[in-house]
Amino acid sequence: MGATKTEHFTDKQNNIATLAKALGHPARIAIVEYLIKVDTCICGDIVNELPLAQPTVSQHLKELKNAGLIKGNIEGNAICYCIDEKAIDKLQNYFGNISTKLINKKNNCC
C-alpha cells in the first residue's frame, strides 16, 4: 500500500496535482503559452509552432485537455483548442494563497 493513493487527499489537492502534472512538460507549457498569446481557438497552427511531430503534439494536447487546462471543440475535420480559464483561475488562486501565506509568515525557517 503506497503513500500516494489519491483517496487519502482532498478533491482540491487531487485537482491541483492533476493540473500541475499536466504542466510538468516543457512542450505543454509552450502549448499553453502559445494559446494564451494567440488569444483564440487554434485548430492546426500548434504543430507549426513546436519542434515536435504532429502525433507528439496531439498527445500533449490530449494530456492538457484531460487535465482540464484546455478545451477542444470539433470544427469540421479539426479540433480547435483554447485555454480553459476556470483551470487557470484554480491555479492562480492556489498559488496566490500559498504566496500570501508565505508573505504573512514571519518565521524565517531554514
PDB file of N, CA and C in Angstrom:
ATOM      1  N   MET A   1       0.848  -1.187   0.000  1.00  0.00           N
ATOM      2  CA  MET A   1       0.000   0.000   0.000  1.00  0.00           C
ATOM      3  C   MET A   1       0.886   1.241   0.000  1.00  0.00           C
ATOM      4  N   GLY A   2       0.848   1.994  -1.068  1.00  0.00           N
ATOM      5  CA  GLY A   2       1.691   3.170  -1.210  1.00  0.00           C
ATOM      6  C   GLY A   2       1.091   4.395  -0.567  1.00  0.00           C
ATOM      7  N   ALA A   3       1.941   5.367  -0.275  1.00  0.00           N
ATOM      8  CA  ALA A   3       1.505   6.602   0.358  1.00  0.00           C
ATOM      9  C   ALA A   3       0.954   7.607  -0.645  1.00  0.00           C
ATOM     10  N   THR A   4       0.939   7.261  -1.917  1.00  0.00           N
ATOM     11  CA  THR A   4       0.488   8.213  -2.929  1.00  0.00           C
ATOM     12  C   THR A   4      -0.944   7.970  -3.375  1.00  0.00           C
ATOM     13  N   LYS A   5      -1.681   7.128  -2.688  1.00  0.00           N
ATOM     14  CA  LYS A   5      -3.067   6.859  -3.083  1.00  0.00           C
ATOM     15  C   LYS A   5      -3.893   8.131  -2.985  1.00  0.00           C
ATOM     16  N   THR A   6      -4.539   8.458  -4.069  1.00  0.00           N
ATOM     17  CA  THR A   6      -5.233   9.743  -4.157  1.00  0.00           C
ATOM     18  C   THR A   6      -6.415   9.860  -3.212  1.00  0.00           C
ATOM     19  N   GLU A   7      -6.997   8.751  -2.780  1.00  0.00           N
ATOM     20  CA  GLU A   7      -8.151   8.841  -1.888  1.00  0.00           C
ATOM     21  C   GLU A   7      -7.782   9.377  -0.507  1.00  0.00           C
ATOM     22  N   HIS A   8      -6.495   9.444  -0.201  1.00  0.00           N
ATOM     23  CA  HIS A   8      -6.053   9.974   1.087  1.00  0.00           C
ATOM     24  C   HIS A   8      -5.941  11.496   1.078  1.00  0.00           C
ATOM     25  N   PHE A   9      -6.230  12.104  -0.047  1.00  0.00           N
ATOM     26  CA  PHE A   9      -6.076  13.544  -0.196  1.00  0.00           C
ATOM     27  C   PHE A   9      -7.408  14.168  -0.604  1.00  0.00           C
ATOM     28  N   THR A  10      -7.520  15.471  -0.380  1.00  0.00           N
ATOM     29  CA  THR A  10      -8.774  16.153  -0.683  1.00  0.00           C
ATOM     30  C   THR A  10      -8.973  16.262  -2.192  1.00  0.00           C
ATOM     31  N   ASP A  11     -10.211  16.524  -2.585  1.00  0.00           N
ATOM     32  CA  ASP A  11     -10.512  16.739  -4.002  1.00  0.00           C
ATOM     33  C   ASP A  11      -9.708  17.913  -4.546  1.00  0.00           C
ATOM     34  N   LYS A  12      -9.585  18.971  -3.741  1.00  0.00           N
ATOM     35  CA  LYS A  12      -8.826  20.143  -4.177  1.00  0.00           C
ATOM     36  C   LYS A  12      -7.362  19.778  -4.400  1.00  0.00           C
ATOM     37  N   GLN A  13      -6.770  19.026  -3.481  1.00  0.00           N
ATOM     38  CA  GLN A  13      -5.374  18.616  -3.631  1.00  0.00           C
ATOM     39  C   GLN A  13      -5.190  17.747  -4.870  1.00  0.00           C
ATOM     40  N   ASN A  14      -6.105  16.828  -5.103  1.00  0.00           N
ATOM     41  CA  ASN A  14      -6.025  15.978  -6.288  1.00  0.00           C
ATOM     42  C   ASN A  14      -6.186  16.784  -7.568  1.00  0.00           C
ATOM     43  N   ASN A  15      -7.090  17.762  -7.538  1.00  0.00           N
ATOM     44  CA  ASN A  15      -7.324  18.588  -8.723  1.00  0.00           C
ATOM     45  C   ASN A  15      -6.097  19.428  -9.060  1.00  0.00           C
ATOM     46  N   ILE A  16      -5.505  20.067  -8.061  1.00  0.00           N
ATOM     47  CA  ILE A  16      -4.307  20.879  -8.283  1.00  0.00           C
ATOM     48  C   ILE A  16      -3.164  19.990  -8.767  1.00  0.00           C
ATOM     49  N   ALA A  17      -3.030  18.798  -8.204  1.00  0.00           N
ATOM     50  CA  ALA A  17      -1.976  17.868  -8.623  1.00  0.00           C
ATOM     51  C   ALA A  17      -2.154  17.460 -10.079  1.00  0.00           C
ATOM     52  N   THR A  18      -3.382  17.240 -10.502  1.00  0.00           N
ATOM     53  CA  THR A  18      -3.656  16.880 -11.892  1.00  0.00           C
ATOM     54  C   THR A  18      -3.255  18.013 -12.832  1.00  0.00           C
ATOM     55  N   LEU A  19      -3.616  19.245 -12.460  1.00  0.00           N
ATOM     56  CA  LEU A  19      -3.259  20.401 -13.282  1.00  0.00           C
ATOM     57  C   LEU A  19      -1.744  20.577 -13.331  1.00  0.00           C
ATOM     58  N   ALA A  20      -1.096  20.453 -12.170  1.00  0.00           N
ATOM     59  CA  ALA A  20       0.357  20.631 -12.109  1.00  0.00           C
ATOM     60  C   ALA A  20       1.078  19.539 -12.906  1.00  0.00           C
ATOM     61  N   LYS A  21       0.583  18.314 -12.818  1.00  0.00           N
ATOM     62  CA  LYS A  21       1.198  17.220 -13.572  1.00  0.00           C
ATOM     63  C   LYS A  21       1.097  17.472 -15.072  1.00  0.00           C
ATOM     64  N   ALA A  22      -0.038  17.982 -15.507  1.00  0.00           N
ATOM     65  CA  ALA A  22      -0.216  18.275 -16.926  1.00  0.00           C
ATOM     66  C   ALA A  22       0.744  19.359 -17.386  1.00  0.00           C
ATOM     67  N   LEU A  23       1.123  20.246 -16.490  1.00  0.00           N
ATOM     68  CA  LEU A  23       2.056  21.316 -16.830  1.00  0.00           C
ATOM     69  C   LEU A  23       3.514  20.887 -16.638  1.00  0.00           C
ATOM     70  N   GLY A  24       3.725  19.626 -16.319  1.00  0.00           N
ATOM     71  CA  GLY A  24       5.053  19.133 -15.989  1.00  0.00           C
ATOM     72  C   GLY A  24       5.937  18.789 -17.175  1.00  0.00           C
ATOM     73  N   HIS A  25       5.621  19.282 -18.343  1.00  0.00           N
ATOM     74  CA  HIS A  25       6.460  19.037 -19.521  1.00  0.00           C
ATOM     75  C   HIS A  25       6.616  20.358 -20.276  1.00  0.00           C
ATOM     76  N   PRO A  26       7.831  20.687 -20.708  1.00  0.00           N
ATOM     77  CA  PRO A  26       8.029  21.982 -21.386  1.00  0.00           C
ATOM     78  C   PRO A  26       7.210  22.155 -22.662  1.00  0.00           C
ATOM     79  N   ALA A  27       6.915  21.070 -23.354  1.00  0.00           N
ATOM     80  CA  ALA A  27       6.084  21.190 -24.567  1.00  0.00           C
ATOM     81  C   ALA A  27       4.681  21.640 -24.194  1.00  0.00           C
ATOM     82  N   ARG A  28       4.167  21.154 -23.081  1.00  0.00           N
ATOM     83  CA  ARG A  28       2.820  21.552 -22.653  1.00  0.00           C
ATOM     84  C   ARG A  28       2.804  23.003 -22.188  1.00  0.00           C
ATOM     85  N   ILE A  29       3.866  23.423 -21.533  1.00  0.00           N
ATOM     86  CA  ILE A  29       3.988  24.834 -21.150  1.00  0.00           C
ATOM     87  C   ILE A  29       4.003  25.690 -22.419  1.00  0.00           C
ATOM     88  N   ALA A  30       4.748  25.263 -23.421  1.00  0.00           N
ATOM     89  CA  ALA A  30       4.813  26.004 -24.688  1.00  0.00           C
ATOM     90  C   ALA A  30       3.443  26.076 -25.353  1.00  0.00           C
ATOM     91  N   ILE A  31       2.702  24.993 -25.303  1.00  0.00           N
ATOM     92  CA  ILE A  31       1.358  24.978 -25.894  1.00  0.00           C
ATOM     93  C   ILE A  31       0.448  25.968 -25.167  1.00  0.00           C
ATOM     94  N   VAL A  32       0.463  25.933 -23.844  1.00  0.00           N
ATOM     95  CA  VAL A  32      -0.367  26.856 -23.054  1.00  0.00           C
ATOM     96  C   VAL A  32       0.027  28.298 -23.355  1.00  0.00           C
ATOM     97  N   GLU A  33       1.329  28.577 -23.363  1.00  0.00           N
ATOM     98  CA  GLU A  33       1.786  29.941 -23.651  1.00  0.00           C
ATOM     99  C   GLU A  33       1.357  30.389 -25.045  1.00  0.00           C
ATOM    100  N   TYR A  34       1.420  29.486 -26.007  1.00  0.00           N
ATOM    101  CA  TYR A  34       1.007  29.832 -27.371  1.00  0.00           C
ATOM    102  C   TYR A  34      -0.490  30.123 -27.429  1.00  0.00           C
ATOM    103  N   LEU A  35      -1.288  29.290 -26.775  1.00  0.00           N
ATOM    104  CA  LEU A  35      -2.736  29.512 -26.783  1.00  0.00           C
ATOM    105  C   LEU A  35      -3.101  30.828 -26.101  1.00  0.00           C
ATOM    106  N   ILE A  36      -2.376  31.181 -25.069  1.00  0.00           N
ATOM    107  CA  ILE A  36      -2.612  32.463 -24.402  1.00  0.00           C
ATOM    108  C   ILE A  36      -2.207  33.613 -25.324  1.00  0.00           C
ATOM    109  N   LYS A  37      -1.086  33.449 -26.010  1.00  0.00           N
ATOM    110  CA  LYS A  37      -0.575  34.507 -26.893  1.00  0.00           C
ATOM    111  C   LYS A  37      -1.533  34.793 -28.042  1.00  0.00           C
ATOM    112  N   VAL A  38      -2.057  33.755 -28.674  1.00  0.00           N
ATOM    113  CA  VAL A  38      -2.921  33.979 -29.830  1.00  0.00           C
ATOM    114  C   VAL A  38      -4.329  34.391 -29.422  1.00  0.00           C
ATOM    115  N   ASP A  39      -4.712  34.099 -28.183  1.00  0.00           N
ATOM    116  CA  ASP A  39      -5.990  34.546 -27.617  1.00  0.00           C
ATOM    117  C   ASP A  39      -7.188  34.167 -28.487  1.00  0.00           C
ATOM    118  N   THR A  40      -7.135  32.989 -29.081  1.00  0.00           N
ATOM    119  CA  THR A  40      -8.241  32.483 -29.875  1.00  0.00           C
ATOM    120  C   THR A  40      -8.126  30.970 -29.950  1.00  0.00           C
ATOM    121  N   CYS A  41      -9.149  30.329 -30.418  1.00  0.00           N
ATOM    122  CA  CYS A  41      -9.074  28.881 -30.596  1.00  0.00           C
ATOM    123  C   CYS A  41      -8.242  28.570 -31.834  1.00  0.00           C
ATOM    124  N   ILE A  42      -7.383  27.584 -31.687  1.00  0.00           N
ATOM    125  CA  ILE A  42      -6.447  27.199 -32.739  1.00  0.00           C
ATOM    126  C   ILE A  42      -6.730  25.778 -33.179  1.00  0.00           C
ATOM    127  N   CYS A  43      -6.786  25.559 -34.474  1.00  0.00           N
ATOM    128  CA  CYS A  43      -7.053  24.214 -34.991  1.00  0.00           C
ATOM    129  C   CYS A  43      -5.790  23.478 -35.411  1.00  0.00           C
ATOM    130  N   GLY A  44      -4.948  24.073 -36.231  1.00  0.00           N
ATOM    131  CA  GLY A  44      -3.815  23.333 -36.750  1.00  0.00           C
ATOM    132  C   GLY A  44      -2.470  24.008 -36.578  1.00  0.00           C
ATOM    133  N   ASP A  45      -2.452  25.243 -36.151  1.00  0.00           N
ATOM    134  CA  ASP A  45      -1.221  26.024 -36.098  1.00  0.00           C
ATOM    135  C   ASP A  45      -0.255  25.581 -35.011  1.00  0.00           C
ATOM    136  N   ILE A  46      -0.701  24.845 -34.021  1.00  0.00           N
ATOM    137  CA  ILE A  46       0.152  24.480 -32.891  1.00  0.00           C
ATOM    138  C   ILE A  46       1.332  23.644 -33.350  1.00  0.00           C
ATOM    139  N   VAL A  47       1.116  22.730 -34.252  1.00  0.00           N
ATOM    140  CA  VAL A  47       2.200  21.867 -34.743  1.00  0.00           C
ATOM    141  C   VAL A  47       3.293  22.711 -35.403  1.00  0.00           C
ATOM    142  N   ASN A  48       2.907  23.775 -36.086  1.00  0.00           N
ATOM    143  CA  ASN A  48       3.881  24.649 -36.750  1.00  0.00           C
ATOM    144  C   ASN A  48       4.705  25.457 -35.751  1.00  0.00           C
ATOM    145  N   GLU A  49       4.221  25.599 -34.534  1.00  0.00           N
ATOM    146  CA  GLU A  49       4.899  26.411 -33.519  1.00  0.00           C
ATOM    147  C   GLU A  49       5.894  25.626 -32.672  1.00  0.00           C
ATOM    148  N   LEU A  50       5.833  24.303 -32.701  1.00  0.00           N
ATOM    149  CA  LEU A  50       6.678  23.483 -31.837  1.00  0.00           C
ATOM    150  C   LEU A  50       7.609  22.598 -32.662  1.00  0.00           C
ATOM    151  N   PRO A  51       8.780  22.305 -32.129  1.00  0.00           N
ATOM    152  CA  PRO A  51       9.722  21.443 -32.846  1.00  0.00           C
ATOM    153  C   PRO A  51       9.427  19.961 -32.612  1.00  0.00           C
ATOM    154  N   LEU A  52       8.151  19.609 -32.703  1.00  0.00           N
ATOM    155  CA  LEU A  52       7.721  18.240 -32.432  1.00  0.00           C
ATOM    156  C   LEU A  52       6.840  17.732 -33.566  1.00  0.00           C
ATOM    157  N   ALA A  53       6.806  16.429 -33.699  1.00  0.00           N
ATOM    158  CA  ALA A  53       5.961  15.800 -34.716  1.00  0.00           C
ATOM    159  C   ALA A  53       4.488  15.957 -34.344  1.00  0.00           C
ATOM    160  N   GLN A  54       3.630  15.920 -35.340  1.00  0.00           N
ATOM    161  CA  GLN A  54       2.194  16.095 -35.118  1.00  0.00           C
ATOM    162  C   GLN A  54       1.636  15.094 -34.108  1.00  0.00           C
ATOM    163  N   PRO A  55       1.988  13.796 -34.165  1.00  0.00           N
ATOM    164  CA  PRO A  55       1.438  12.865 -33.166  1.00  0.00           C
ATOM    165  C   PRO A  55       1.872  13.207 -31.739  1.00  0.00           C
ATOM    166  N   THR A  56       3.085  13.720 -31.585  1.00  0.00           N
ATOM    167  CA  THR A  56       3.580  14.102 -30.260  1.00  0.00           C
ATOM    168  C   THR A  56       2.807  15.302 -29.733  1.00  0.00           C
ATOM    169  N   VAL A  57       2.593  16.287 -30.593  1.00  0.00           N
ATOM    170  CA  VAL A  57       1.796  17.460 -30.201  1.00  0.00           C
ATOM    171  C   VAL A  57       0.384  17.025 -29.823  1.00  0.00           C
ATOM    172  N   SER A  58      -0.193  16.129 -30.599  1.00  0.00           N
ATOM    173  CA  SER A  58      -1.540  15.639 -30.304  1.00  0.00           C
ATOM    174  C   SER A  58      -1.599  14.969 -28.935  1.00  0.00           C
ATOM    175  N   GLN A  59      -0.570  14.216 -28.595  1.00  0.00           N
ATOM    176  CA  GLN A  59      -0.541  13.559 -27.279  1.00  0.00           C
ATOM    177  C   GLN A  59      -0.460  14.589 -26.152  1.00  0.00           C
ATOM    178  N   HIS A  60       0.347  15.625 -26.343  1.00  0.00           N
ATOM    179  CA  HIS A  60       0.436  16.683 -25.332  1.00  0.00           C
ATOM    180  C   HIS A  60      -0.891  17.434 -25.212  1.00  0.00           C
ATOM    181  N   LEU A  61      -1.542  17.695 -26.335  1.00  0.00           N
ATOM    182  CA  LEU A  61      -2.856  18.351 -26.301  1.00  0.00           C
ATOM    183  C   LEU A  61      -3.864  17.485 -25.554  1.00  0.00           C
ATOM    184  N   LYS A  62      -3.803  16.188 -25.778  1.00  0.00           N
ATOM    185  CA  LYS A  62      -4.705  15.259 -25.086  1.00  0.00           C
ATOM    186  C   LYS A  62      -4.492  15.315 -23.576  1.00  0.00           C
ATOM    187  N   GLU A  63      -3.238  15.353 -23.146  1.00  0.00           N
ATOM    188  CA  GLU A  63      -2.936  15.428 -21.705  1.00  0.00           C
ATOM    189  C   GLU A  63      -3.466  16.730 -21.104  1.00  0.00           C
ATOM    190  N   LEU A  64      -3.260  17.829 -21.812  1.00  0.00           N
ATOM    191  CA  LEU A  64      -3.757  19.122 -21.319  1.00  0.00           C
ATOM    192  C   LEU A  64      -5.274  19.150 -21.268  1.00  0.00           C
ATOM    193  N   LYS A  65      -5.910  18.558 -22.259  1.00  0.00           N
ATOM    194  CA  LYS A  65      -7.369  18.517 -22.294  1.00  0.00           C
ATOM    195  C   LYS A  65      -7.915  17.616 -21.192  1.00  0.00           C
ATOM    196  N   ASN A  66      -7.313  16.453 -21.006  1.00  0.00           N
ATOM    197  CA  ASN A  66      -7.766  15.532 -19.954  1.00  0.00           C
ATOM    198  C   ASN A  66      -7.637  16.152 -18.568  1.00  0.00           C
ATOM    199  N   ALA A  67      -6.631  16.990 -18.379  1.00  0.00           N
ATOM    200  CA  ALA A  67      -6.442  17.661 -17.090  1.00  0.00           C
ATOM    201  C   ALA A  67      -7.402  18.841 -16.922  1.00  0.00           C
ATOM    202  N   GLY A  68      -7.998  19.287 -18.020  1.00  0.00           N
ATOM    203  CA  GLY A  68      -8.940  20.403 -17.947  1.00  0.00           C
ATOM    204  C   GLY A  68      -8.305  21.758 -18.166  1.00  0.00           C
ATOM    205  N   LEU A  69      -7.037  21.797 -18.592  1.00  0.00           N
ATOM    206  CA  LEU A  69      -6.375  23.074 -18.826  1.00  0.00           C
ATOM    207  C   LEU A  69      -6.771  23.717 -20.149  1.00  0.00           C
ATOM    208  N   ILE A  70      -7.137  22.889 -21.114  1.00  0.00           N
ATOM    209  CA  ILE A  70      -7.590  23.422 -22.398  1.00  0.00           C
ATOM    210  C   ILE A  70      -8.918  22.765 -22.762  1.00  0.00           C
ATOM    211  N   LYS A  71      -9.619  23.428 -23.661  1.00  0.00           N
ATOM    212  CA  LYS A  71     -10.868  22.891 -24.185  1.00  0.00           C
ATOM    213  C   LYS A  71     -10.665  22.622 -25.665  1.00  0.00           C
ATOM    214  N   GLY A  72     -11.359  21.626 -26.163  1.00  0.00           N
ATOM    215  CA  GLY A  72     -11.285  21.324 -27.586  1.00  0.00           C
ATOM    216  C   GLY A  72     -12.678  21.199 -28.167  1.00  0.00           C
ATOM    217  N   ASN A  73     -12.904  21.902 -29.255  1.00  0.00           N
ATOM    218  CA  ASN A  73     -14.178  21.853 -29.956  1.00  0.00           C
ATOM    219  C   ASN A  73     -13.948  21.336 -31.368  1.00  0.00           C
ATOM    220  N   ILE A  74     -14.804  20.447 -31.808  1.00  0.00           N
ATOM    221  CA  ILE A  74     -14.686  19.894 -33.147  1.00  0.00           C
ATOM    222  C   ILE A  74     -15.299  20.870 -34.145  1.00  0.00           C
ATOM    223  N   GLU A  75     -14.494  21.231 -35.126  1.00  0.00           N
ATOM    224  CA  GLU A  75     -14.956  22.099 -36.213  1.00  0.00           C
ATOM    225  C   GLU A  75     -14.553  21.439 -37.523  1.00  0.00           C
ATOM    226  N   GLY A  76     -15.506  20.808 -38.169  1.00  0.00           N
ATOM    227  CA  GLY A  76     -15.211  20.078 -39.404  1.00  0.00           C
ATOM    228  C   GLY A  76     -14.365  18.864 -39.104  1.00  0.00           C
ATOM    229  N   ASN A  77     -13.215  18.767 -39.771  1.00  0.00           N
ATOM    230  CA  ASN A  77     -12.303  17.648 -39.565  1.00  0.00           C
ATOM    231  C   ASN A  77     -11.258  17.932 -38.490  1.00  0.00           C
ATOM    232  N   ALA A  78     -11.284  19.123 -37.905  1.00  0.00           N
ATOM    233  CA  ALA A  78     -10.244  19.529 -36.953  1.00  0.00           C
ATOM    234  C   ALA A  78     -10.837  19.749 -35.563  1.00  0.00           C
ATOM    235  N   ILE A  79      -9.967  19.675 -34.580  1.00  0.00           N
ATOM    236  CA  ILE A  79     -10.330  20.041 -33.211  1.00  0.00           C
ATOM    237  C   ILE A  79      -9.639  21.357 -32.912  1.00  0.00           C
ATOM    238  N   CYS A  80     -10.405  22.339 -32.497  1.00  0.00           N
ATOM    239  CA  CYS A  80      -9.859  23.651 -32.174  1.00  0.00           C
ATOM    240  C   CYS A  80      -9.691  23.768 -30.662  1.00  0.00           C
ATOM    241  N   TYR A  81      -8.513  24.218 -30.234  1.00  0.00           N
ATOM    242  CA  TYR A  81      -8.176  24.270 -28.813  1.00  0.00           C
ATOM    243  C   TYR A  81      -8.076  25.690 -28.319  1.00  0.00           C
ATOM    244  N   CYS A  82      -8.461  25.882 -27.056  1.00  0.00           N
ATOM    245  CA  CYS A  82      -8.279  27.154 -26.370  1.00  0.00           C
ATOM    246  C   CYS A  82      -8.115  26.882 -24.873  1.00  0.00           C
ATOM    247  N   ILE A  83      -7.649  27.874 -24.166  1.00  0.00           N
ATOM    248  CA  ILE A  83      -7.421  27.767 -22.722  1.00  0.00           C
ATOM    249  C   ILE A  83      -8.752  27.669 -21.997  1.00  0.00           C
ATOM    250  N   ASP A  84      -8.812  26.803 -20.982  1.00  0.00           N
ATOM    251  CA  ASP A  84      -9.974  26.767 -20.089  1.00  0.00           C
ATOM    252  C   ASP A  84      -9.649  27.683 -18.916  1.00  0.00           C
ATOM    253  N   GLU A  85     -10.240  28.852 -18.927  1.00  0.00           N
ATOM    254  CA  GLU A  85      -9.913  29.881 -17.947  1.00  0.00           C
ATOM    255  C   GLU A  85     -10.244  29.461 -16.519  1.00  0.00           C
ATOM    256  N   LYS A  86     -11.202  28.556 -16.341  1.00  0.00           N
ATOM    257  CA  LYS A  86     -11.539  28.083 -14.991  1.00  0.00           C
ATOM    258  C   LYS A  86     -10.360  27.347 -14.365  1.00  0.00           C
ATOM    259  N   ALA A  87      -9.656  26.563 -15.163  1.00  0.00           N
ATOM    260  CA  ALA A  87      -8.495  25.829 -14.651  1.00  0.00           C
ATOM    261  C   ALA A  87      -7.373  26.794 -14.287  1.00  0.00           C
ATOM    262  N   ILE A  88      -7.173  27.811 -15.110  1.00  0.00           N
ATOM    263  CA  ILE A  88      -6.136  28.805 -14.827  1.00  0.00           C
ATOM    264  C   ILE A  88      -6.494  29.566 -13.553  1.00  0.00           C
ATOM    265  N   ASP A  89      -7.771  29.870 -13.362  1.00  0.00           N
ATOM    266  CA  ASP A  89      -8.211  30.529 -12.129  1.00  0.00           C
ATOM    267  C   ASP A  89      -7.918  29.673 -10.900  1.00  0.00           C
ATOM    268  N   LYS A  90      -8.133  28.355 -11.013  1.00  0.00           N
ATOM    269  CA  LYS A  90      -7.833  27.453  -9.896  1.00  0.00           C
ATOM    270  C   LYS A  90      -6.363  27.499  -9.537  1.00  0.00           C
ATOM    271  N   LEU A  91      -5.504  27.448 -10.556  1.00  0.00           N
ATOM    272  CA  LEU A  91      -4.063  27.508 -10.307  1.00  0.00           C
ATOM    273  C   LEU A  91      -3.658  28.858  -9.715  1.00  0.00           C
ATOM    274  N   GLN A  92      -4.229  29.915 -10.259  1.00  0.00           N
ATOM    275  CA  GLN A  92      -3.900  31.252  -9.771  1.00  0.00           C
ATOM    276  C   GLN A  92      -4.317  31.405  -8.309  1.00  0.00           C
ATOM    277  N   ASN A  93      -5.495  30.936  -7.966  1.00  0.00           N
ATOM    278  CA  ASN A  93      -5.961  31.014  -6.584  1.00  0.00           C
ATOM    279  C   ASN A  93      -5.091  30.183  -5.658  1.00  0.00           C
ATOM    280  N   TYR A  94      -4.752  28.979  -6.100  1.00  0.00           N
ATOM    281  CA  TYR A  94      -3.938  28.093  -5.268  1.00  0.00           C
ATOM    282  C   TYR A  94      -2.563  28.707  -4.986  1.00  0.00           C
ATOM    283  N   PHE A  95      -1.861  29.099  -6.045  1.00  0.00           N
ATOM    284  CA  PHE A  95      -0.522  29.654  -5.859  1.00  0.00           C
ATOM    285  C   PHE A  95      -0.563  31.044  -5.228  1.00  0.00           C
ATOM    286  N   GLY A  96      -1.626  31.790  -5.473  1.00  0.00           N
ATOM    287  CA  GLY A  96      -1.794  33.079  -4.803  1.00  0.00           C
ATOM    288  C   GLY A  96      -1.959  32.908  -3.304  1.00  0.00           C
ATOM    289  N   ASN A  97      -2.748  31.900  -2.894  1.00  0.00           N
ATOM    290  CA  ASN A  97      -2.927  31.630  -1.461  1.00  0.00           C
ATOM    291  C   ASN A  97      -1.619  31.203  -0.811  1.00  0.00           C
ATOM    292  N   ILE A  98      -0.860  30.365  -1.495  1.00  0.00           N
ATOM    293  CA  ILE A  98       0.437  29.951  -0.958  1.00  0.00           C
ATOM    294  C   ILE A  98       1.352  31.157  -0.802  1.00  0.00           C
ATOM    295  N   SER A  99       1.388  31.991  -1.831  1.00  0.00           N
ATOM    296  CA  SER A  99       2.253  33.169  -1.805  1.00  0.00           C
ATOM    297  C   SER A  99       1.858  34.105  -0.662  1.00  0.00           C
ATOM    298  N   THR A 100       0.574  34.335  -0.495  1.00  0.00           N
ATOM    299  CA  THR A 100       0.097  35.203   0.586  1.00  0.00           C
ATOM    300  C   THR A 100       0.467  34.638   1.951  1.00  0.00           C
ATOM    301  N   LYS A 101       0.296  33.349   2.134  1.00  0.00           N
ATOM    302  CA  LYS A 101       0.641  32.716   3.409  1.00  0.00           C
ATOM    303  C   LYS A 101       2.129  32.835   3.695  1.00  0.00           C
ATOM    304  N   LEU A 102       2.964  32.673   2.670  1.00  0.00           N
ATOM    305  CA  LEU A 102       4.402  32.791   2.888  1.00  0.00           C
ATOM    306  C   LEU A 102       4.807  34.216   3.203  1.00  0.00           C
ATOM    307  N   ILE A 103       4.168  35.187   2.555  1.00  0.00           N
ATOM    308  CA  ILE A 103       4.473  36.588   2.824  1.00  0.00           C
ATOM    309  C   ILE A 103       4.064  36.960   4.249  1.00  0.00           C
ATOM    310  N   ASN A 104       2.913  36.459   4.675  1.00  0.00           N
ATOM    311  CA  ASN A 104       2.407  36.773   6.013  1.00  0.00           C
ATOM    312  C   ASN A 104       3.127  36.007   7.112  1.00  0.00           C
ATOM    313  N   LYS A 105       3.809  34.953   6.747  1.00  0.00           N
ATOM    314  CA  LYS A 105       4.517  34.140   7.722  1.00  0.00           C
ATOM    315  C   LYS A 105       5.810  34.855   8.105  1.00  0.00           C
ATOM    316  N   LYS A 106       5.976  35.091   9.383  1.00  0.00           N
ATOM    317  CA  LYS A 106       7.150  35.833   9.853  1.00  0.00           C
ATOM    318  C   LYS A 106       8.290  34.914  10.274  1.00  0.00           C
ATOM    319  N   ASN A 107       8.067  33.623  10.282  1.00  0.00           N
ATOM    320  CA  ASN A 107       9.066  32.656  10.712  1.00  0.00           C
ATOM    321  C   ASN A 107      10.096  32.456   9.601  1.00  0.00           C
ATOM    322  N   ASN A 108      11.350  32.749   9.894  1.00  0.00           N
ATOM    323  CA  ASN A 108      12.410  32.550   8.910  1.00  0.00           C
ATOM    324  C   ASN A 108      13.015  31.174   9.105  1.00  0.00           C
ATOM    325  N   CYS A 109      12.413  30.219   8.505  1.00  0.00           N
ATOM    326  CA  CYS A 109      12.845  28.825   8.610  1.00  0.00           C
ATOM    327  C   CYS A 109      13.974  28.574   7.627  1.00  0.00           C
ATOM    328  N   CYS A 110      14.861  27.715   7.991  1.00  0.00           N
ATOM    329  CA  CYS A 110      15.990  27.280   7.144  1.00  0.00           C
ATOM    330  C   CYS A 110      16.890  28.418   6.823  1.00  0.00           C
TER     331      CYS A 110
END
